[in-house]
């Protein structure tokens, strides 16, 4: 496999796991609650987390005595509650005063973008691909993440409240299913 094909393959795998386009209803919902999303801050933070995990992920988890499966189960629980908020139209996560800044880190950068699924995938990809191939794929995905986050207000305007409500519930169900799958897969490991 050529280097270019490897980069494309890893990029597509990460694109599917990060699923930033599928997260648009979640992002619109968060933007509605906090008023603004700091797209650059969220992108940089998610990128830092992903690249840190690429280089030191297993060591960091091992240092504090956490295996990859436990990390994935914890992430699935957070995703589960975000999905419940979307489906039921309730608020479970309360934020404090500096809403937009905090929301750009949690839950957008982590666990929405650089969540347990993404970080576990990065650890898994290390067995088959070179670090720099995964690093380039991460950077390509971060470019897409940045632009989607930047244009959330535009997307919100185009979709309208009715479209957002429908998408929020549909993607809430999908997110719930992903959380349950992630939980089931890693609980038995």
C-alpha atoms as a PDB file:
ATOM      1  CA  UNK A   1       0.000   0.000   0.000  1.00  0.00           C
ATOM      2  CA  UNK A   2       1.435   3.379  -0.937  1.00  0.00           C
ATOM      3  CA  UNK A   3       1.888   6.111   1.624  1.00  0.00           C
ATOM      4  CA  UNK A   4      -0.852   8.215   0.013  1.00  0.00           C
ATOM      5  CA  UNK A   5      -3.313   5.308   0.220  1.00  0.00           C
ATOM      6  CA  UNK A   6      -2.379   4.706   3.857  1.00  0.00           C
ATOM      7  CA  UNK A   7      -3.017   8.358   4.715  1.00  0.00           C
ATOM      8  CA  UNK A   8      -6.380   8.270   2.913  1.00  0.00           C
ATOM      9  CA  UNK A   9      -7.354   4.999   4.617  1.00  0.00           C
ATOM     10  CA  UNK A  10      -6.457   6.217   8.111  1.00  0.00           C
ATOM     11  CA  UNK A  11      -8.116   9.591   7.422  1.00  0.00           C
ATOM     12  CA  UNK A  12     -11.358   7.892   6.395  1.00  0.00           C
ATOM     13  CA  UNK A  13     -11.303   5.607   9.430  1.00  0.00           C
ATOM     14  CA  UNK A  14     -10.849   8.601  11.732  1.00  0.00           C
ATOM     15  CA  UNK A  15     -13.468  10.594   9.785  1.00  0.00           C
ATOM     16  CA  UNK A  16     -16.013   7.837  10.397  1.00  0.00           C
ATOM     17  CA  UNK A  17     -15.185   7.580  14.101  1.00  0.00           C
ATOM     18  CA  UNK A  18     -15.010  11.332  14.787  1.00  0.00           C
ATOM     19  CA  UNK A  19     -18.197  11.824  12.730  1.00  0.00           C
ATOM     20  CA  UNK A  20     -18.094  15.616  12.897  1.00  0.00           C
ATOM     21  CA  UNK A  21     -20.826  15.926  10.266  1.00  0.00           C
ATOM     22  CA  UNK A  22     -23.092  13.660  12.292  1.00  0.00           C
ATOM     23  CA  UNK A  23     -22.337  15.802  15.325  1.00  0.00           C
ATOM     24  CA  UNK A  24     -23.810  18.955  13.772  1.00  0.00           C
ATOM     25  CA  UNK A  25     -27.097  18.639  15.722  1.00  0.00           C
ATOM     26  CA  UNK A  26     -25.129  18.181  18.967  1.00  0.00           C
ATOM     27  CA  UNK A  27     -22.998  21.217  18.148  1.00  0.00           C
ATOM     28  CA  UNK A  28     -26.066  23.321  17.348  1.00  0.00           C
ATOM     29  CA  UNK A  29     -27.636  22.182  20.619  1.00  0.00           C
ATOM     30  CA  UNK A  30     -24.505  23.128  22.584  1.00  0.00           C
ATOM     31  CA  UNK A  31     -24.284  26.475  20.752  1.00  0.00           C
ATOM     32  CA  UNK A  32     -27.921  27.168  21.646  1.00  0.00           C
ATOM     33  CA  UNK A  33     -27.186  26.487  25.320  1.00  0.00           C
ATOM     34  CA  UNK A  34     -23.917  28.422  25.635  1.00  0.00           C
ATOM     35  CA  UNK A  35     -24.289  31.081  22.954  1.00  0.00           C
ATOM     36  CA  UNK A  36     -21.020  30.504  21.097  1.00  0.00           C
ATOM     37  CA  UNK A  37     -18.453  27.840  20.329  1.00  0.00           C
ATOM     38  CA  UNK A  38     -14.770  28.699  20.246  1.00  0.00           C
ATOM     39  CA  UNK A  39     -13.992  26.675  17.122  1.00  0.00           C
ATOM     40  CA  UNK A  40     -10.226  27.210  17.195  1.00  0.00           C
ATOM     41  CA  UNK A  41      -9.942  26.357  20.890  1.00  0.00           C
ATOM     42  CA  UNK A  42     -12.014  23.188  20.464  1.00  0.00           C
ATOM     43  CA  UNK A  43      -9.996  22.118  17.399  1.00  0.00           C
ATOM     44  CA  UNK A  44      -6.606  22.784  19.013  1.00  0.00           C
ATOM     45  CA  UNK A  45      -7.610  21.007  22.215  1.00  0.00           C
ATOM     46  CA  UNK A  46      -8.972  17.973  20.359  1.00  0.00           C
ATOM     47  CA  UNK A  47      -5.834  17.890  18.205  1.00  0.00           C
ATOM     48  CA  UNK A  48      -3.573  18.088  21.241  1.00  0.00           C
ATOM     49  CA  UNK A  49      -5.468  15.236  22.924  1.00  0.00           C
ATOM     50  CA  UNK A  50      -5.356  13.049  19.801  1.00  0.00           C
ATOM     51  CA  UNK A  51      -1.661  13.660  19.086  1.00  0.00           C
ATOM     52  CA  UNK A  52      -0.780  13.160  22.752  1.00  0.00           C
ATOM     53  CA  UNK A  53      -2.679   9.876  22.695  1.00  0.00           C
ATOM     54  CA  UNK A  54      -0.923   8.853  19.494  1.00  0.00           C
ATOM     55  CA  UNK A  55       2.448   9.222  21.163  1.00  0.00           C
ATOM     56  CA  UNK A  56       1.749   8.489  24.831  1.00  0.00           C
ATOM     57  CA  UNK A  57      -1.760   7.000  25.046  1.00  0.00           C
ATOM     58  CA  UNK A  58      -1.069   3.509  26.311  1.00  0.00           C
ATOM     59  CA  UNK A  59       1.663   4.777  28.643  1.00  0.00           C
ATOM     60  CA  UNK A  60      -0.582   7.495  30.104  1.00  0.00           C
ATOM     61  CA  UNK A  61      -3.438   5.088  30.720  1.00  0.00           C
ATOM     62  CA  UNK A  62      -1.071   2.473  32.118  1.00  0.00           C
ATOM     63  CA  UNK A  63       0.556   5.048  34.401  1.00  0.00           C
ATOM     64  CA  UNK A  64      -2.745   5.666  36.157  1.00  0.00           C
ATOM     65  CA  UNK A  65      -3.778   2.022  35.977  1.00  0.00           C
ATOM     66  CA  UNK A  66      -6.509   2.323  33.362  1.00  0.00           C
ATOM     67  CA  UNK A  67      -6.784  -0.070  30.460  1.00  0.00           C
ATOM     68  CA  UNK A  68      -8.087   0.993  27.048  1.00  0.00           C
ATOM     69  CA  UNK A  69     -11.378  -0.880  27.508  1.00  0.00           C
ATOM     70  CA  UNK A  70     -12.160   0.913  30.789  1.00  0.00           C
ATOM     71  CA  UNK A  71     -11.399   4.235  29.145  1.00  0.00           C
ATOM     72  CA  UNK A  72     -13.761   3.400  26.290  1.00  0.00           C
ATOM     73  CA  UNK A  73     -16.537   2.362  28.713  1.00  0.00           C
ATOM     74  CA  UNK A  74     -16.197   5.660  30.603  1.00  0.00           C
ATOM     75  CA  UNK A  75     -16.385   7.603  27.336  1.00  0.00           C
ATOM     76  CA  UNK A  76     -19.439   5.620  26.262  1.00  0.00           C
ATOM     77  CA  UNK A  77     -21.268   6.644  29.427  1.00  0.00           C
ATOM     78  CA  UNK A  78     -20.635  10.339  28.742  1.00  0.00           C
ATOM     79  CA  UNK A  79     -21.792   9.891  25.129  1.00  0.00           C
ATOM     80  CA  UNK A  80     -24.878   8.036  26.428  1.00  0.00           C
ATOM     81  CA  UNK A  81     -25.925  11.036  28.536  1.00  0.00           C
ATOM     82  CA  UNK A  82     -25.307  13.501  25.698  1.00  0.00           C
ATOM     83  CA  UNK A  83     -27.551  11.311  23.516  1.00  0.00           C
ATOM     84  CA  UNK A  84     -30.281  11.305  26.185  1.00  0.00           C
ATOM     85  CA  UNK A  85     -30.191  15.103  26.283  1.00  0.00           C
ATOM     86  CA  UNK A  86     -30.643  15.218  22.511  1.00  0.00           C
ATOM     87  CA  UNK A  87     -33.475  12.700  22.374  1.00  0.00           C
ATOM     88  CA  UNK A  88     -35.443  13.819  25.409  1.00  0.00           C
ATOM     89  CA  UNK A  89     -34.764  17.553  25.163  1.00  0.00           C
ATOM     90  CA  UNK A  90     -33.531  17.667  28.772  1.00  0.00           C
ATOM     91  CA  UNK A  91     -30.428  19.189  30.323  1.00  0.00           C
ATOM     92  CA  UNK A  92     -28.180  16.877  32.293  1.00  0.00           C
ATOM     93  CA  UNK A  93     -24.889  18.716  31.946  1.00  0.00           C
ATOM     94  CA  UNK A  94     -24.932  21.987  33.812  1.00  0.00           C
ATOM     95  CA  UNK A  95     -22.216  24.477  32.981  1.00  0.00           C
ATOM     96  CA  UNK A  96     -20.821  27.328  35.016  1.00  0.00           C
ATOM     97  CA  UNK A  97     -20.219  30.992  34.210  1.00  0.00           C
ATOM     98  CA  UNK A  98     -17.803  30.844  31.267  1.00  0.00           C
ATOM     99  CA  UNK A  99     -20.038  28.632  29.163  1.00  0.00           C
ATOM    100  CA  UNK A 100     -18.645  28.989  25.650  1.00  0.00           C
ATOM    101  CA  UNK A 101     -15.051  28.524  26.726  1.00  0.00           C
ATOM    102  CA  UNK A 102     -15.842  25.507  28.895  1.00  0.00           C
ATOM    103  CA  UNK A 103     -18.163  23.944  26.315  1.00  0.00           C
ATOM    104  CA  UNK A 104     -15.449  24.241  23.670  1.00  0.00           C
ATOM    105  CA  UNK A 105     -13.319  21.900  25.771  1.00  0.00           C
ATOM    106  CA  UNK A 106     -15.967  19.642  27.395  1.00  0.00           C
ATOM    107  CA  UNK A 107     -18.034  18.209  25.736  1.00  0.00           C
ATOM    108  CA  UNK A 108     -16.897  19.399  22.260  1.00  0.00           C
ATOM    109  CA  UNK A 109     -13.122  18.750  22.184  1.00  0.00           C
ATOM    110  CA  UNK A 110     -13.551  15.844  24.580  1.00  0.00           C
ATOM    111  CA  UNK A 111     -15.496  13.545  24.293  1.00  0.00           C
ATOM    112  CA  UNK A 112     -17.309  14.616  21.108  1.00  0.00           C
ATOM    113  CA  UNK A 113     -14.275  15.002  18.815  1.00  0.00           C
ATOM    114  CA  UNK A 114     -11.420  13.334  20.705  1.00  0.00           C
ATOM    115  CA  UNK A 115     -13.563  10.874  22.592  1.00  0.00           C
ATOM    116  CA  UNK A 116     -13.030   7.339  23.749  1.00  0.00           C
ATOM    117  CA  UNK A 117     -13.876   5.920  20.319  1.00  0.00           C
ATOM    118  CA  UNK A 118     -11.412   8.214  18.545  1.00  0.00           C
ATOM    119  CA  UNK A 119      -8.633   7.651  21.073  1.00  0.00           C
ATOM    120  CA  UNK A 120      -9.155   3.898  21.119  1.00  0.00           C
ATOM    121  CA  UNK A 121      -9.082   3.897  17.300  1.00  0.00           C
ATOM    122  CA  UNK A 122      -5.822   5.857  17.321  1.00  0.00           C
ATOM    123  CA  UNK A 123      -4.295   3.294  19.683  1.00  0.00           C
ATOM    124  CA  UNK A 124      -5.515   0.473  17.426  1.00  0.00           C
ATOM    125  CA  UNK A 125      -4.181   2.108  14.242  1.00  0.00           C
ATOM    126  CA  UNK A 126      -0.676   2.214  15.743  1.00  0.00           C
ATOM    127  CA  UNK A 127      -0.463  -1.559  15.302  1.00  0.00           C
ATOM    128  CA  UNK A 128      -0.766  -1.251  11.506  1.00  0.00           C
ATOM    129  CA  UNK A 129       0.392   2.229  10.455  1.00  0.00           C
ATOM    130  CA  UNK A 130       3.366   4.508  11.096  1.00  0.00           C
ATOM    131  CA  UNK A 131       2.983   7.304  13.636  1.00  0.00           C
ATOM    132  CA  UNK A 132       3.424  10.019  11.046  1.00  0.00           C
ATOM    133  CA  UNK A 133       0.730   8.534   8.757  1.00  0.00           C
ATOM    134  CA  UNK A 134      -1.727   8.616  11.666  1.00  0.00           C
ATOM    135  CA  UNK A 135      -0.522  12.119  12.572  1.00  0.00           C
ATOM    136  CA  UNK A 136      -1.184  13.416   9.051  1.00  0.00           C
ATOM    137  CA  UNK A 137      -4.622  11.768   9.071  1.00  0.00           C
ATOM    138  CA  UNK A 138      -5.398  13.428  12.408  1.00  0.00           C
ATOM    139  CA  UNK A 139      -4.394  16.830  11.016  1.00  0.00           C
ATOM    140  CA  UNK A 140      -6.559  16.353   7.902  1.00  0.00           C
ATOM    141  CA  UNK A 141      -9.540  15.504  10.077  1.00  0.00           C
ATOM    142  CA  UNK A 142      -8.857  18.505  12.308  1.00  0.00           C
ATOM    143  CA  UNK A 143      -9.106  20.787   9.264  1.00  0.00           C
ATOM    144  CA  UNK A 144     -12.594  19.459   8.588  1.00  0.00           C
ATOM    145  CA  UNK A 145     -13.506  19.732  12.277  1.00  0.00           C
ATOM    146  CA  UNK A 146     -12.351  23.360  12.331  1.00  0.00           C
ATOM    147  CA  UNK A 147     -14.501  24.323   9.342  1.00  0.00           C
ATOM    148  CA  UNK A 148     -17.595  22.511  10.612  1.00  0.00           C
ATOM    149  CA  UNK A 149     -17.244  24.198  14.023  1.00  0.00           C
ATOM    150  CA  UNK A 150     -16.654  27.575  12.380  1.00  0.00           C
ATOM    151  CA  UNK A 151     -19.799  27.297  10.272  1.00  0.00           C
ATOM    152  CA  UNK A 152     -22.184  25.934  12.926  1.00  0.00           C
ATOM    153  CA  UNK A 153     -24.097  29.285  13.017  1.00  0.00           C
ATOM    154  CA  UNK A 154     -24.546  29.156   9.221  1.00  0.00           C
ATOM    155  CA  UNK A 155     -25.675  25.521   9.344  1.00  0.00           C
ATOM    156  CA  UNK A 156     -28.059  26.363  12.170  1.00  0.00           C
ATOM    157  CA  UNK A 157     -29.597  29.164  10.119  1.00  0.00           C
ATOM    158  CA  UNK A 158     -29.942  26.969   7.012  1.00  0.00           C
ATOM    159  CA  UNK A 159     -31.536  24.067   8.878  1.00  0.00           C
ATOM    160  CA  UNK A 160     -33.996  26.159  10.883  1.00  0.00           C
ATOM    161  CA  UNK A 161     -35.403  25.158  14.270  1.00  0.00           C
ATOM    162  CA  UNK A 162     -37.601  22.377  12.850  1.00  0.00           C
ATOM    163  CA  UNK A 163     -34.731  20.811  10.930  1.00  0.00           C
ATOM    164  CA  UNK A 164     -32.463  21.053  13.950  1.00  0.00           C
ATOM    165  CA  UNK A 165     -35.059  19.381  16.197  1.00  0.00           C
ATOM    166  CA  UNK A 166     -35.511  16.494  13.773  1.00  0.00           C
ATOM    167  CA  UNK A 167     -31.759  16.054  13.253  1.00  0.00           C
ATOM    168  CA  UNK A 168     -31.091  16.329  16.995  1.00  0.00           C
ATOM    169  CA  UNK A 169     -33.436  13.439  17.743  1.00  0.00           C
ATOM    170  CA  UNK A 170     -32.257  11.283  14.825  1.00  0.00           C
ATOM    171  CA  UNK A 171     -28.585  11.765  15.654  1.00  0.00           C
ATOM    172  CA  UNK A 172     -29.366  11.393  19.350  1.00  0.00           C
ATOM    173  CA  UNK A 173     -30.636   7.873  18.620  1.00  0.00           C
ATOM    174  CA  UNK A 174     -27.535   7.148  16.515  1.00  0.00           C
ATOM    175  CA  UNK A 175     -25.267   8.535  19.249  1.00  0.00           C
ATOM    176  CA  UNK A 176     -27.114   6.424  21.824  1.00  0.00           C
ATOM    177  CA  UNK A 177     -26.562   3.315  19.689  1.00  0.00           C
ATOM    178  CA  UNK A 178     -22.847   4.164  19.331  1.00  0.00           C
ATOM    179  CA  UNK A 179     -22.563   4.608  23.106  1.00  0.00           C
ATOM    180  CA  UNK A 180     -24.233   1.260  23.763  1.00  0.00           C
ATOM    181  CA  UNK A 181     -22.054  -0.503  21.172  1.00  0.00           C
ATOM    182  CA  UNK A 182     -18.893   1.051  22.612  1.00  0.00           C
ATOM    183  CA  UNK A 183     -20.039   0.043  26.099  1.00  0.00           C
ATOM    184  CA  UNK A 184     -20.884  -3.570  25.113  1.00  0.00           C
ATOM    185  CA  UNK A 185     -17.721  -4.078  23.086  1.00  0.00           C
ATOM    186  CA  UNK A 186     -15.401  -2.854  25.819  1.00  0.00           C
ATOM    187  CA  UNK A 187     -17.237  -4.121  28.895  1.00  0.00           C
ATOM    188  CA  UNK A 188     -16.356  -7.729  28.146  1.00  0.00           C
ATOM    189  CA  UNK A 189     -12.688  -7.074  27.316  1.00  0.00           C
END
